[in-house]
């Protein structure tokens, strides 16, 4: 006796292939519309046009942030990201890397839980946050970082460890 004598295998096979084709078309469309290309038209909107519906959560989200000249300003890598409303994103396990004018990595900011305001592009966290660079490590209980001005504020139980004082002051060690 045949395992699928009733013909159910053909129906499931046809449904499965249509579903697979639909998923592939959706993925191709999402890739074409959601790709972070450094064109001058999309640069100013690189962080504000995140293709994630309200209430939806994404895992392993990576977001680049480009300036008007097409240079990468920052890179956001989150374990999970959730769109709270039209103007706010919540991140868990966020690692934000900022880049210098020469496009080399500058600061690495790690936040366990944070919220990004998409209109002002200010990211805040009320959890212990660490900021590190080649010449120092900095940690504080609360952080507010403006991604446009590239200025941040750490508040509460702030600790800084300088590993290369000459790099901060611009003097040569004796």
Protein backbone atom coordinates (compact mmCIF):
# COMPACT_ATOMS: atom_id res chain seq x y z
CA UNK A 1 0.00 0.00 0.00
CA UNK A 2 1.26 3.49 -0.81
CA UNK A 3 1.93 5.83 2.13
CA UNK A 4 -0.14 8.72 0.70
CA UNK A 5 -2.74 6.95 -1.40
CA UNK A 6 -5.32 9.68 -0.83
CA UNK A 7 -3.19 12.27 -2.64
CA UNK A 8 -2.64 14.45 0.41
CA UNK A 9 1.09 14.57 -0.27
CA UNK A 10 0.52 16.39 -3.55
CA UNK A 11 -1.70 19.01 -1.91
CA UNK A 12 0.76 19.59 0.95
CA UNK A 13 3.59 19.69 -1.57
CA UNK A 14 1.82 22.31 -3.69
CA UNK A 15 0.90 24.38 -0.63
CA UNK A 16 4.43 24.08 0.72
CA UNK A 17 6.02 25.21 -2.52
CA UNK A 18 3.63 28.19 -2.82
CA UNK A 19 4.38 29.12 0.79
CA UNK A 20 8.13 28.80 0.16
CA UNK A 21 7.86 30.96 -2.95
CA UNK A 22 5.91 33.59 -1.00
CA UNK A 23 8.52 33.65 1.76
CA UNK A 24 11.34 34.00 -0.77
CA UNK A 25 9.55 36.88 -2.54
CA UNK A 26 8.93 38.60 0.79
CA UNK A 27 12.58 38.17 1.80
CA UNK A 28 13.78 39.54 -1.55
CA UNK A 29 11.44 42.52 -1.26
CA UNK A 30 12.49 43.21 2.34
CA UNK A 31 16.16 43.00 1.36
CA UNK A 32 15.66 45.36 -1.56
CA UNK A 33 13.73 47.96 0.45
CA UNK A 34 15.43 47.59 3.83
CA UNK A 35 19.08 47.48 2.79
CA UNK A 36 21.20 50.21 4.36
CA UNK A 37 22.73 51.71 1.25
CA UNK A 38 24.90 54.77 1.79
CA UNK A 39 23.15 56.88 -0.82
CA UNK A 40 22.78 60.59 0.00
CA UNK A 41 18.98 60.36 -0.14
CA UNK A 42 18.74 57.71 2.59
CA UNK A 43 21.63 58.80 4.80
CA UNK A 44 19.69 61.20 6.98
CA UNK A 45 17.03 58.54 7.57
CA UNK A 46 19.30 55.55 8.28
CA UNK A 47 18.17 55.23 11.92
CA UNK A 48 14.68 56.65 11.55
CA UNK A 49 13.43 54.26 8.86
CA UNK A 50 13.75 50.93 10.66
CA UNK A 51 11.47 48.38 8.96
CA UNK A 52 9.97 46.92 12.15
CA UNK A 53 6.22 47.19 12.90
CA UNK A 54 4.98 48.53 16.25
CA UNK A 55 4.95 45.79 18.89
CA UNK A 56 7.15 43.49 16.81
CA UNK A 57 10.40 42.09 18.21
CA UNK A 58 13.47 41.20 16.16
CA UNK A 59 16.44 39.12 17.27
CA UNK A 60 20.00 39.78 16.19
CA UNK A 61 19.26 43.20 14.69
CA UNK A 62 22.18 45.14 13.17
CA UNK A 63 21.59 48.77 12.19
CA UNK A 64 24.17 51.01 10.51
CA UNK A 65 23.98 54.80 10.91
CA UNK A 66 25.40 56.84 8.02
CA UNK A 67 26.10 60.57 7.86
CA UNK A 68 25.15 62.79 4.91
CA UNK A 69 28.41 62.00 3.11
CA UNK A 70 27.79 58.24 3.25
CA UNK A 71 30.35 57.49 5.97
CA UNK A 72 29.33 55.16 8.75
CA UNK A 73 28.80 57.07 11.98
CA UNK A 74 27.75 54.16 14.18
CA UNK A 75 26.71 50.53 14.13
CA UNK A 76 24.03 49.17 16.45
CA UNK A 77 24.06 45.43 17.25
CA UNK A 78 21.22 44.27 19.49
CA UNK A 79 20.40 40.84 20.84
CA UNK A 80 16.73 41.85 20.66
CA UNK A 81 15.00 44.99 19.42
CA UNK A 82 11.35 45.92 19.82
CA UNK A 83 9.41 48.79 18.29
CA UNK A 84 7.50 50.36 21.21
CA UNK A 85 5.66 52.96 19.11
CA UNK A 86 6.28 55.00 15.97
CA UNK A 87 9.03 57.05 17.67
CA UNK A 88 10.73 54.64 20.10
CA UNK A 89 12.78 51.43 19.84
CA UNK A 90 13.78 49.32 22.82
CA UNK A 91 17.00 47.31 22.68
CA UNK A 92 18.27 44.49 24.88
CA UNK A 93 21.96 43.61 24.82
CA UNK A 94 22.91 46.58 22.66
CA UNK A 95 26.49 47.07 21.50
CA UNK A 96 26.92 50.40 19.76
CA UNK A 97 30.19 51.10 17.95
CA UNK A 98 30.91 54.67 16.88
CA UNK A 99 33.33 55.48 14.09
CA UNK A 100 35.80 58.35 13.68
CA UNK A 101 35.99 60.64 10.66
CA UNK A 102 38.52 58.22 9.12
CA UNK A 103 35.91 55.40 9.42
CA UNK A 104 37.88 53.52 12.07
CA UNK A 105 36.13 52.23 15.23
CA UNK A 106 36.23 54.79 18.03
CA UNK A 107 33.95 54.02 21.00
CA UNK A 108 32.20 50.82 22.00
CA UNK A 109 29.13 51.44 24.17
CA UNK A 110 27.42 48.42 25.75
CA UNK A 111 23.94 48.76 27.24
CA UNK A 112 21.94 45.86 28.69
CA UNK A 113 18.60 47.66 28.16
CA UNK A 114 18.11 50.92 26.27
CA UNK A 115 15.57 53.04 24.41
CA UNK A 116 16.18 54.99 21.21
CA UNK A 117 14.03 58.03 20.43
CA UNK A 118 13.82 57.98 16.63
CA UNK A 119 12.84 61.66 16.31
CA UNK A 120 15.66 63.12 18.41
CA UNK A 121 17.99 60.11 17.84
CA UNK A 122 18.92 60.11 21.53
CA UNK A 123 19.50 56.75 23.19
CA UNK A 124 18.99 56.36 26.94
CA UNK A 125 19.59 53.57 29.41
CA UNK A 126 18.85 53.27 33.11
CA UNK A 127 20.98 50.14 33.45
CA UNK A 128 24.74 49.93 34.08
CA UNK A 129 26.44 50.96 30.84
CA UNK A 130 30.08 50.68 29.80
CA UNK A 131 31.95 52.86 27.33
CA UNK A 132 35.37 51.77 26.13
CA UNK A 133 38.04 53.03 23.79
CA UNK A 134 41.67 52.05 23.24
CA UNK A 135 42.85 54.40 26.02
CA UNK A 136 40.07 54.22 28.64
CA UNK A 137 37.10 52.30 30.08
CA UNK A 138 34.14 54.15 31.56
CA UNK A 139 31.00 52.86 33.31
CA UNK A 140 27.94 54.48 34.86
CA UNK A 141 24.44 53.65 36.09
CA UNK A 142 22.49 55.87 33.65
CA UNK A 143 23.45 57.08 30.18
CA UNK A 144 22.07 59.51 27.63
CA UNK A 145 23.80 59.55 24.23
CA UNK A 146 22.95 61.86 21.32
CA UNK A 147 23.84 59.95 18.15
CA UNK A 148 23.76 63.10 15.99
CA UNK A 149 25.99 65.33 18.14
CA UNK A 150 27.99 62.32 19.37
CA UNK A 151 27.79 63.55 22.96
CA UNK A 152 26.88 61.48 25.98
CA UNK A 153 26.30 61.82 29.68
CA UNK A 154 26.90 59.18 32.35
CA UNK A 155 25.24 59.65 35.74
CA UNK A 156 25.50 57.73 38.99
CA UNK A 157 28.37 55.61 40.31
CA UNK A 158 30.65 56.57 37.43
CA UNK A 159 34.00 54.81 37.28
CA UNK A 160 36.78 55.54 34.75
CA UNK A 161 39.95 53.55 34.22
CA UNK A 162 42.57 55.22 32.03
CA UNK A 163 44.87 52.73 30.35
CA UNK A 164 46.90 55.20 28.27
CA UNK A 165 47.08 58.68 29.78
CA UNK A 166 49.39 59.94 27.04
CA UNK A 167 46.73 59.20 24.44
CA UNK A 168 44.22 61.39 26.27
CA UNK A 169 46.51 64.35 26.91
CA UNK A 170 48.44 64.21 23.63
CA UNK A 171 51.82 64.17 25.38
CA UNK A 172 54.57 61.61 25.01
CA UNK A 173 55.43 59.44 28.02
CA UNK A 174 58.85 60.00 29.54
